[in-house]
PDB file of N, CA and C in Angstrom:
ATOM      1  N   MET A   1    -197.656 -27.138  57.377  1.00  0.00           N
ATOM      2  CA  MET A   1    -198.944 -26.823  56.858  1.00  0.00           C
ATOM      3  C   MET A   1    -199.974 -26.993  57.975  1.00  0.00           C
ATOM      4  N   GLU A   2    -200.754 -26.012  58.180  1.00  0.00           N
ATOM      5  CA  GLU A   2    -201.753 -26.017  59.242  1.00  0.00           C
ATOM      6  C   GLU A   2    -203.139 -26.266  58.644  1.00  0.00           C
ATOM      7  N   VAL A   3    -203.823 -27.188  59.273  1.00  0.00           N
ATOM      8  CA  VAL A   3    -205.162 -27.522  58.794  1.00  0.00           C
ATOM      9  C   VAL A   3    -206.167 -27.059  59.842  1.00  0.00           C
ATOM     10  N   SER A   4    -207.145 -26.369  59.368  1.00  0.00           N
ATOM     11  CA  SER A   4    -208.182 -25.876  60.267  1.00  0.00           C
ATOM     12  C   SER A   4    -209.482 -26.631  59.980  1.00  0.00           C
ATOM     13  N   LEU A   5    -210.041 -27.180  61.031  1.00  0.00           N
ATOM     14  CA  LEU A   5    -211.310 -27.879  60.881  1.00  0.00           C
ATOM     15  C   LEU A   5    -212.432 -27.004  61.418  1.00  0.00           C
ATOM     16  N   LYS A   6    -213.417 -26.850  60.603  1.00  0.00           N
ATOM     17  CA  LYS A   6    -214.588 -26.096  61.037  1.00  0.00           C
ATOM     18  C   LYS A   6    -215.751 -27.074  61.136  1.00  0.00           C
ATOM     19  N   THR A   7    -216.396 -27.047  62.235  1.00  0.00           N
ATOM     20  CA  THR A   7    -217.522 -27.934  62.444  1.00  0.00           C
ATOM     21  C   THR A   7    -218.782 -27.092  62.574  1.00  0.00           C
ATOM     22  N   SER A   8    -219.742 -27.476  61.805  1.00  0.00           N
ATOM     23  CA  SER A   8    -221.041 -26.805  61.904  1.00  0.00           C
ATOM     24  C   SER A   8    -222.014 -27.744  62.588  1.00  0.00           C
ATOM     25  N   ILE A   9    -222.678 -27.210  63.537  1.00  0.00           N
ATOM     26  CA  ILE A   9    -223.685 -27.990  64.237  1.00  0.00           C
ATOM     27  C   ILE A   9    -225.021 -27.298  64.010  1.00  0.00           C
ATOM     28  N   PHE A  10    -225.931 -28.085  63.463  1.00  0.00           N
ATOM     29  CA  PHE A  10    -227.264 -27.567  63.243  1.00  0.00           C
ATOM     30  C   PHE A  10    -228.177 -28.174  64.297  1.00  0.00           C
ATOM     31  N   VAL A  11    -228.846 -27.323  65.000  1.00  0.00           N
ATOM     32  CA  VAL A  11    -229.743 -27.774  66.039  1.00  0.00           C
ATOM     33  C   VAL A  11    -231.161 -27.409  65.622  1.00  0.00           C
ATOM     34  N   LYS A  12    -231.989 -28.440  65.616  1.00  0.00           N
ATOM     35  CA  LYS A  12    -233.381 -28.211  65.267  1.00  0.00           C
ATOM     36  C   LYS A  12    -234.122 -27.863  66.551  1.00  0.00           C
ATOM     37  N   ILE A  13    -234.628 -26.677  66.603  1.00  0.00           N
ATOM     38  CA  ILE A  13    -235.346 -26.215  67.779  1.00  0.00           C
ATOM     39  C   ILE A  13    -236.789 -25.930  67.370  1.00  0.00           C
ATOM     40  N   LYS A  14    -237.683 -26.537  68.089  1.00  0.00           N
ATOM     41  CA  LYS A  14    -239.091 -26.278  67.839  1.00  0.00           C
ATOM     42  C   LYS A  14    -239.616 -25.490  69.019  1.00  0.00           C
ATOM     43  N   ILE A  15    -240.090 -24.344  68.733  1.00  0.00           N
ATOM     44  CA  ILE A  15    -240.642 -23.507  69.775  1.00  0.00           C
ATOM     45  C   ILE A  15    -242.130 -23.812  69.888  1.00  0.00           C
ATOM     46  N   MET A  16    -242.570 -24.037  71.091  1.00  0.00           N
ATOM     47  CA  MET A  16    -243.962 -24.367  71.341  1.00  0.00           C
ATOM     48  C   MET A  16    -244.825 -23.126  71.131  1.00  0.00           C
ATOM     49  N   THR A  17    -245.913 -23.316  70.409  1.00  0.00           N
ATOM     50  CA  THR A  17    -246.844 -22.210  70.229  1.00  0.00           C
ATOM     51  C   THR A  17    -247.652 -22.021  71.500  1.00  0.00           C
ATOM     52  N   GLU A  18    -248.321 -20.905  71.604  1.00  0.00           N
ATOM     53  CA  GLU A  18    -249.163 -20.646  72.763  1.00  0.00           C
ATOM     54  C   GLU A  18    -250.298 -21.668  72.833  1.00  0.00           C
ATOM     55  N   GLU A  19    -250.845 -22.041  71.678  1.00  0.00           N
ATOM     56  CA  GLU A  19    -251.913 -23.040  71.645  1.00  0.00           C
ATOM     57  C   GLU A  19    -251.415 -24.402  72.136  1.00  0.00           C
ATOM     58  N   GLU A  20    -250.216 -24.808  71.705  1.00  0.00           N
ATOM     59  CA  GLU A  20    -249.636 -26.068  72.168  1.00  0.00           C
ATOM     60  C   GLU A  20    -249.423 -26.042  73.682  1.00  0.00           C
ATOM     61  N   PHE A  21    -248.904 -24.917  74.172  1.00  0.00           N
ATOM     62  CA  PHE A  21    -248.686 -24.762  75.607  1.00  0.00           C
ATOM     63  C   PHE A  21    -250.001 -24.894  76.375  1.00  0.00           C
ATOM     64  N   GLU A  22    -251.051 -24.251  75.882  1.00  0.00           N
ATOM     65  CA  GLU A  22    -252.359 -24.331  76.529  1.00  0.00           C
ATOM     66  C   GLU A  22    -252.903 -25.766  76.499  1.00  0.00           C
ATOM     67  N   ASN A  23    -252.640 -26.477  75.411  1.00  0.00           N
ATOM     68  CA  ASN A  23    -253.058 -27.883  75.335  1.00  0.00           C
ATOM     69  C   ASN A  23    -252.365 -28.721  76.399  1.00  0.00           C
ATOM     70  N   TRP A  24    -251.060 -28.485  76.586  1.00  0.00           N
ATOM     71  CA  TRP A  24    -250.317 -29.229  77.621  1.00  0.00           C
ATOM     72  C   TRP A  24    -250.820 -28.870  79.016  1.00  0.00           C
ATOM     73  N   GLU A  25    -251.117 -27.597  79.214  1.00  0.00           N
ATOM     74  CA  GLU A  25    -251.665 -27.186  80.517  1.00  0.00           C
ATOM     75  C   GLU A  25    -253.014 -27.860  80.772  1.00  0.00           C
ATOM     76  N   MET A  26    -253.826 -27.995  79.720  1.00  0.00           N
ATOM     77  CA  MET A  26    -255.121 -28.642  79.848  1.00  0.00           C
ATOM     78  C   MET A  26    -254.953 -30.114  80.220  1.00  0.00           C
ATOM     79  N   VAL A  27    -253.998 -30.801  79.602  1.00  0.00           N
ATOM     80  CA  VAL A  27    -253.733 -32.206  79.950  1.00  0.00           C
ATOM     81  C   VAL A  27    -253.332 -32.299  81.422  1.00  0.00           C
ATOM     82  N   ASP A  28    -252.427 -31.449  81.836  1.00  0.00           N
ATOM     83  CA  ASP A  28    -251.979 -31.445  83.229  1.00  0.00           C
ATOM     84  C   ASP A  28    -253.148 -31.187  84.178  1.00  0.00           C
ATOM     85  N   TYR A  29    -253.965 -30.226  83.846  1.00  0.00           N
ATOM     86  CA  TYR A  29    -255.139 -29.905  84.677  1.00  0.00           C
ATOM     87  C   TYR A  29    -256.059 -31.115  84.782  1.00  0.00           C
ATOM     88  N   ARG A  30    -256.346 -31.748  83.662  1.00  0.00           N
ATOM     89  CA  ARG A  30    -257.252 -32.906  83.659  1.00  0.00           C
ATOM     90  C   ARG A  30    -256.680 -34.072  84.472  1.00  0.00           C
ATOM     91  N   ILE A  31    -255.388 -34.315  84.322  1.00  0.00           N
ATOM     92  CA  ILE A  31    -254.751 -35.393  85.094  1.00  0.00           C
ATOM     93  C   ILE A  31    -254.894 -35.117  86.585  1.00  0.00           C
ATOM     94  N   ARG A  32    -254.606 -33.880  86.989  1.00  0.00           N
ATOM     95  CA  ARG A  32    -254.650 -33.548  88.417  1.00  0.00           C
ATOM     96  C   ARG A  32    -256.067 -33.499  88.976  1.00  0.00           C
ATOM     97  N   ASN A  33    -257.036 -33.068  88.176  1.00  0.00           N
ATOM     98  CA  ASN A  33    -258.389 -32.876  88.692  1.00  0.00           C
ATOM     99  C   ASN A  33    -259.350 -34.024  88.414  1.00  0.00           C
ATOM    100  N   GLU A  34    -259.131 -34.756  87.358  1.00  0.00           N
ATOM    101  CA  GLU A  34    -260.008 -35.881  87.030  1.00  0.00           C
ATOM    102  C   GLU A  34    -259.395 -37.216  87.447  1.00  0.00           C
ATOM    103  N   GLY A  35    -258.085 -37.222  87.658  1.00  0.00           N
ATOM    104  CA  GLY A  35    -257.370 -38.471  87.912  1.00  0.00           C
ATOM    105  C   GLY A  35    -256.849 -39.009  86.587  1.00  0.00           C
ATOM    106  N   ILE A  36    -255.659 -39.538  86.608  1.00  0.00           N
ATOM    107  CA  ILE A  36    -255.006 -39.950  85.362  1.00  0.00           C
ATOM    108  C   ILE A  36    -255.766 -41.077  84.660  1.00  0.00           C
ATOM    109  N   ASP A  37    -256.336 -41.998  85.436  1.00  0.00           N
ATOM    110  CA  ASP A  37    -257.054 -43.099  84.803  1.00  0.00           C
ATOM    111  C   ASP A  37    -258.303 -42.590  84.084  1.00  0.00           C
ATOM    112  N   TYR A  38    -259.127 -41.799  84.755  1.00  0.00           N
ATOM    113  CA  TYR A  38    -260.326 -41.256  84.123  1.00  0.00           C
ATOM    114  C   TYR A  38    -259.947 -40.361  82.948  1.00  0.00           C
ATOM    115  N   CYS A  39    -258.935 -39.556  83.159  1.00  0.00           N
ATOM    116  CA  CYS A  39    -258.484 -38.616  82.138  1.00  0.00           C
ATOM    117  C   CYS A  39    -258.207 -39.315  80.809  1.00  0.00           C
ATOM    118  N   PHE A  40    -257.437 -40.396  80.845  1.00  0.00           N
ATOM    119  CA  PHE A  40    -257.046 -41.072  79.614  1.00  0.00           C
ATOM    120  C   PHE A  40    -258.052 -42.117  79.151  1.00  0.00           C
ATOM    121  N   GLU A  41    -258.786 -42.673  80.092  1.00  0.00           N
ATOM    122  CA  GLU A  41    -259.711 -43.748  79.733  1.00  0.00           C
ATOM    123  C   GLU A  41    -261.054 -43.210  79.241  1.00  0.00           C
ATOM    124  N   HIS A  42    -261.539 -42.125  79.849  1.00  0.00           N
ATOM    125  CA  HIS A  42    -262.889 -41.666  79.555  1.00  0.00           C
ATOM    126  C   HIS A  42    -262.992 -40.224  79.068  1.00  0.00           C
ATOM    127  N   TYR A  43    -262.077 -39.385  79.467  1.00  0.00           N
ATOM    128  CA  TYR A  43    -262.241 -37.959  79.178  1.00  0.00           C
ATOM    129  C   TYR A  43    -261.914 -37.621  77.730  1.00  0.00           C
ATOM    130  N   SER A  44    -260.738 -38.030  77.270  1.00  0.00           N
ATOM    131  CA  SER A  44    -260.308 -37.591  75.947  1.00  0.00           C
ATOM    132  C   SER A  44    -259.170 -38.452  75.426  1.00  0.00           C
ATOM    133  N   ARG A  45    -259.032 -38.459  74.107  1.00  0.00           N
ATOM    134  CA  ARG A  45    -257.862 -39.081  73.467  1.00  0.00           C
ATOM    135  C   ARG A  45    -256.777 -38.036  73.219  1.00  0.00           C
ATOM    136  N   PHE A  46    -257.082 -36.802  73.502  1.00  0.00           N
ATOM    137  CA  PHE A  46    -256.142 -35.686  73.378  1.00  0.00           C
ATOM    138  C   PHE A  46    -255.534 -35.604  71.974  1.00  0.00           C
ATOM    139  N   GLU A  47    -256.402 -35.663  70.986  1.00  0.00           N
ATOM    140  CA  GLU A  47    -255.955 -35.593  69.600  1.00  0.00           C
ATOM    141  C   GLU A  47    -255.298 -34.259  69.262  1.00  0.00           C
ATOM    142  N   GLU A  48    -255.595 -33.224  70.052  1.00  0.00           N
ATOM    143  CA  GLU A  48    -254.976 -31.919  69.810  1.00  0.00           C
ATOM    144  C   GLU A  48    -253.498 -31.906  70.183  1.00  0.00           C
ATOM    145  N   ILE A  49    -253.053 -32.897  70.961  1.00  0.00           N
ATOM    146  CA  ILE A  49    -251.636 -33.017  71.313  1.00  0.00           C
ATOM    147  C   ILE A  49    -250.934 -33.746  70.174  1.00  0.00           C
ATOM    148  N   LYS A  50    -250.028 -33.067  69.537  1.00  0.00           N
ATOM    149  CA  LYS A  50    -249.298 -33.634  68.393  1.00  0.00           C
ATOM    150  C   LYS A  50    -247.905 -34.049  68.854  1.00  0.00           C
ATOM    151  N   ASP A  51    -247.872 -35.099  69.663  1.00  0.00           N
ATOM    152  CA  ASP A  51    -246.619 -35.558  70.238  1.00  0.00           C
ATOM    153  C   ASP A  51    -246.644 -37.081  70.275  1.00  0.00           C
ATOM    154  N   GLU A  52    -245.828 -37.710  69.459  1.00  0.00           N
ATOM    155  CA  GLU A  52    -245.832 -39.170  69.347  1.00  0.00           C
ATOM    156  C   GLU A  52    -245.506 -39.860  70.673  1.00  0.00           C
ATOM    157  N   GLU A  53    -244.536 -39.354  71.394  1.00  0.00           N
ATOM    158  CA  GLU A  53    -244.135 -39.976  72.664  1.00  0.00           C
ATOM    159  C   GLU A  53    -245.279 -39.927  73.679  1.00  0.00           C
ATOM    160  N   PHE A  54    -245.972 -38.807  73.741  1.00  0.00           N
ATOM    161  CA  PHE A  54    -247.110 -38.669  74.644  1.00  0.00           C
ATOM    162  C   PHE A  54    -248.148 -39.753  74.352  1.00  0.00           C
ATOM    163  N   HIS A  55    -248.499 -39.913  73.085  1.00  0.00           N
ATOM    164  CA  HIS A  55    -249.532 -40.884  72.723  1.00  0.00           C
ATOM    165  C   HIS A  55    -249.051 -42.322  72.912  1.00  0.00           C
ATOM    166  N   LYS A  56    -247.776 -42.560  72.673  1.00  0.00           N
ATOM    167  CA  LYS A  56    -247.207 -43.887  72.936  1.00  0.00           C
ATOM    168  C   LYS A  56    -247.338 -44.210  74.423  1.00  0.00           C
ATOM    169  N   LEU A  57    -246.950 -43.286  75.273  1.00  0.00           N
ATOM    170  CA  LEU A  57    -247.036 -43.488  76.724  1.00  0.00           C
ATOM    171  C   LEU A  57    -248.478 -43.590  77.200  1.00  0.00           C
ATOM    172  N   ARG A  58    -249.354 -42.775  76.630  1.00  0.00           N
ATOM    173  CA  ARG A  58    -250.770 -42.819  76.996  1.00  0.00           C
ATOM    174  C   ARG A  58    -251.364 -44.196  76.688  1.00  0.00           C
ATOM    175  N   LEU A  59    -251.070 -44.714  75.515  1.00  0.00           N
ATOM    176  CA  LEU A  59    -251.586 -46.026  75.131  1.00  0.00           C
ATOM    177  C   LEU A  59    -250.977 -47.143  75.963  1.00  0.00           C
ATOM    178  N   GLU A  60    -249.692 -47.036  76.287  1.00  0.00           N
ATOM    179  CA  GLU A  60    -249.056 -48.026  77.165  1.00  0.00           C
ATOM    180  C   GLU A  60    -249.693 -47.997  78.553  1.00  0.00           C
ATOM    181  N   PHE A  61    -249.988 -46.813  79.041  1.00  0.00           N
ATOM    182  CA  PHE A  61    -250.645 -46.669  80.342  1.00  0.00           C
ATOM    183  C   PHE A  61    -252.008 -47.345  80.326  1.00  0.00           C
ATOM    184  N   LEU A  62    -252.794 -47.094  79.275  1.00  0.00           N
ATOM    185  CA  LEU A  62    -254.115 -47.715  79.163  1.00  0.00           C
ATOM    186  C   LEU A  62    -254.004 -49.234  79.102  1.00  0.00           C
ATOM    187  N   GLU A  63    -253.033 -49.728  78.366  1.00  0.00           N
ATOM    188  CA  GLU A  63    -252.834 -51.169  78.265  1.00  0.00           C
ATOM    189  C   GLU A  63    -252.416 -51.755  79.613  1.00  0.00           C
ATOM    190  N   SER A  64    -251.568 -51.062  80.331  1.00  0.00           N
ATOM    191  CA  SER A  64    -251.145 -51.534  81.662  1.00  0.00           C
ATOM    192  C   SER A  64    -252.318 -51.557  82.633  1.00  0.00           C
ATOM    193  N   MET A  65    -253.182 -50.543  82.564  1.00  0.00           N
ATOM    194  CA  MET A  65    -254.363 -50.543  83.434  1.00  0.00           C
ATOM    195  C   MET A  65    -255.252 -51.740  83.113  1.00  0.00           C
ATOM    196  N   LYS A  66    -255.428 -52.023  81.846  1.00  0.00           N
ATOM    197  CA  LYS A  66    -256.247 -53.172  81.434  1.00  0.00           C
ATOM    198  C   LYS A  66    -255.645 -54.468  81.965  1.00  0.00           C
ATOM    199  N   LYS A  67    -254.332 -54.616  81.840  1.00  0.00           N
ATOM    200  CA  LYS A  67    -253.661 -55.834  82.299  1.00  0.00           C
ATOM    201  C   LYS A  67    -253.787 -56.014  83.807  1.00  0.00           C
ATOM    202  N   ILE A  68    -253.608 -54.953  84.559  1.00  0.00           N
ATOM    203  CA  ILE A  68    -253.676 -55.107  86.022  1.00  0.00           C
ATOM    204  C   ILE A  68    -255.108 -55.397  86.463  1.00  0.00           C
ATOM    205  N   ARG A  69    -256.090 -54.800  85.801  1.00  0.00           N
ATOM    206  CA  ARG A  69    -257.481 -55.114  86.134  1.00  0.00           C
ATOM    207  C   ARG A  69    -257.783 -56.579  85.856  1.00  0.00           C
ATOM    208  N   GLU A  70    -257.312 -57.066  84.715  1.00  0.00           N
ATOM    209  CA  GLU A  70    -257.520 -58.472  84.365  1.00  0.00           C
ATOM    210  C   GLU A  70    -256.809 -59.394  85.350  1.00  0.00           C
ATOM    211  N   TYR A  71    -255.620 -59.015  85.760  1.00  0.00           N
ATOM    212  CA  TYR A  71    -254.855 -59.817  86.710  1.00  0.00           C
ATOM    213  C   TYR A  71    -255.586 -59.902  88.052  1.00  0.00           C
ATOM    214  N   VAL A  72    -256.026 -58.758  88.538  1.00  0.00           N
ATOM    215  CA  VAL A  72    -256.738 -58.728  89.823  1.00  0.00           C
ATOM    216  C   VAL A  72    -258.017 -59.561  89.721  1.00  0.00           C
ATOM    217  N   LYS A  73    -258.741 -59.420  88.633  1.00  0.00           N
ATOM    218  CA  LYS A  73    -259.963 -60.194  88.438  1.00  0.00           C
ATOM    219  C   LYS A  73    -259.664 -61.698  88.438  1.00  0.00           C
ATOM    220  N   SER A  74    -258.581 -62.096  87.777  1.00  0.00           N
ATOM    221  CA  SER A  74    -258.233 -63.519  87.735  1.00  0.00           C
ATOM    222  C   SER A  74    -257.860 -64.043  89.120  1.00  0.00           C
ATOM    223  N   LYS A  75    -257.200 -63.223  89.936  1.00  0.00           N
ATOM    224  CA  LYS A  75    -256.851 -63.635  91.298  1.00  0.00           C
ATOM    225  C   LYS A  75    -258.121 -63.847  92.124  1.00  0.00           C
ATOM    226  N   ILE A  76    -259.073 -62.958  91.978  1.00  0.00           N
ATOM    227  CA  ILE A  76    -260.334 -63.086  92.708  1.00  0.00           C
ATOM    228  C   ILE A  76    -261.081 -64.334  92.249  1.00  0.00           C
ATOM    229  N   GLU A  77    -261.155 -64.521  90.939  1.00  0.00           N
ATOM    230  CA  GLU A  77    -261.848 -65.696  90.409  1.00  0.00           C
ATOM    231  C   GLU A  77    -261.169 -66.986  90.847  1.00  0.00           C
ATOM    232  N   SER A  78    -259.851 -66.983  90.880  1.00  0.00           N
ATOM    233  CA  SER A  78    -259.106 -68.160  91.321  1.00  0.00           C
ATOM    234  C   SER A  78    -259.412 -68.470  92.784  1.00  0.00           C
ATOM    235  N   TYR A  79    -259.446 -67.458  93.603  1.00  0.00           N
ATOM    236  CA  TYR A  79    -259.756 -67.620  95.022  1.00  0.00           C
ATOM    237  C   TYR A  79    -261.169 -68.173  95.185  1.00  0.00           C
ATOM    238  N   GLU A  80    -262.101 -67.585  94.455  1.00  0.00           N
ATOM    239  CA  GLU A  80    -263.495 -68.025  94.552  1.00  0.00           C
ATOM    240  C   GLU A  80    -263.648 -69.485  94.114  1.00  0.00           C
ATOM    241  N   GLU A  81    -262.942 -69.862  93.060  1.00  0.00           N
ATOM    242  CA  GLU A  81    -262.992 -71.241  92.587  1.00  0.00           C
ATOM    243  C   GLU A  81    -262.443 -72.207  93.647  1.00  0.00           C
ATOM    244  N   ASP A  82    -261.346 -71.808  94.283  1.00  0.00           N
ATOM    245  CA  ASP A  82    -260.732 -72.654  95.308  1.00  0.00           C
ATOM    246  C   ASP A  82    -261.680 -72.876  96.480  1.00  0.00           C
ATOM    247  N   TYR A  83    -262.415 -71.855  96.885  1.00  0.00           N
ATOM    248  CA  TYR A  83    -263.293 -71.967  98.041  1.00  0.00           C
ATOM    249  C   TYR A  83    -264.681 -72.450  97.687  1.00  0.00           C
ATOM    250  N   ASP A  84    -265.065 -72.376  96.422  1.00  0.00           N
ATOM    251  CA  ASP A  84    -266.351 -72.916  95.988  1.00  0.00           C
ATOM    252  C   ASP A  84    -266.305 -74.428  95.931  1.00  0.00           C
ATOM    253  N   ASP A  85    -265.111 -74.982  95.780  1.00  0.00           N
ATOM    254  CA  ASP A  85    -264.948 -76.434  95.672  1.00  0.00           C
ATOM    255  C   ASP A  85    -265.089 -77.133  97.025  1.00  0.00           C
ATOM    256  N   GLU A  86    -265.078 -76.384  98.082  1.00  0.00           N
ATOM    257  CA  GLU A  86    -265.137 -76.988  99.427  1.00  0.00           C
ATOM    258  C   GLU A  86    -266.542 -77.332  99.821  1.00  0.00           C
TER     259      GLU A  86
END
């Protein structure tokens, strides 16, 4: 007796609309021309981009920038405190 197995694979494909493509091009343009820090910190929240991973990464980037600024500030303050005591 021969048994035949048939496997169906369903692939969910989302085709990007022209508007979505233009939105991504705009993000790329802003990053390259405004600088990534200004782009995400001051220019826009890019609400027109409907991509969870993008927004997760954008927010992580903003948080990392905040942390490094705070770290650098604390190093400067620590140095100043050490030399002010003399």
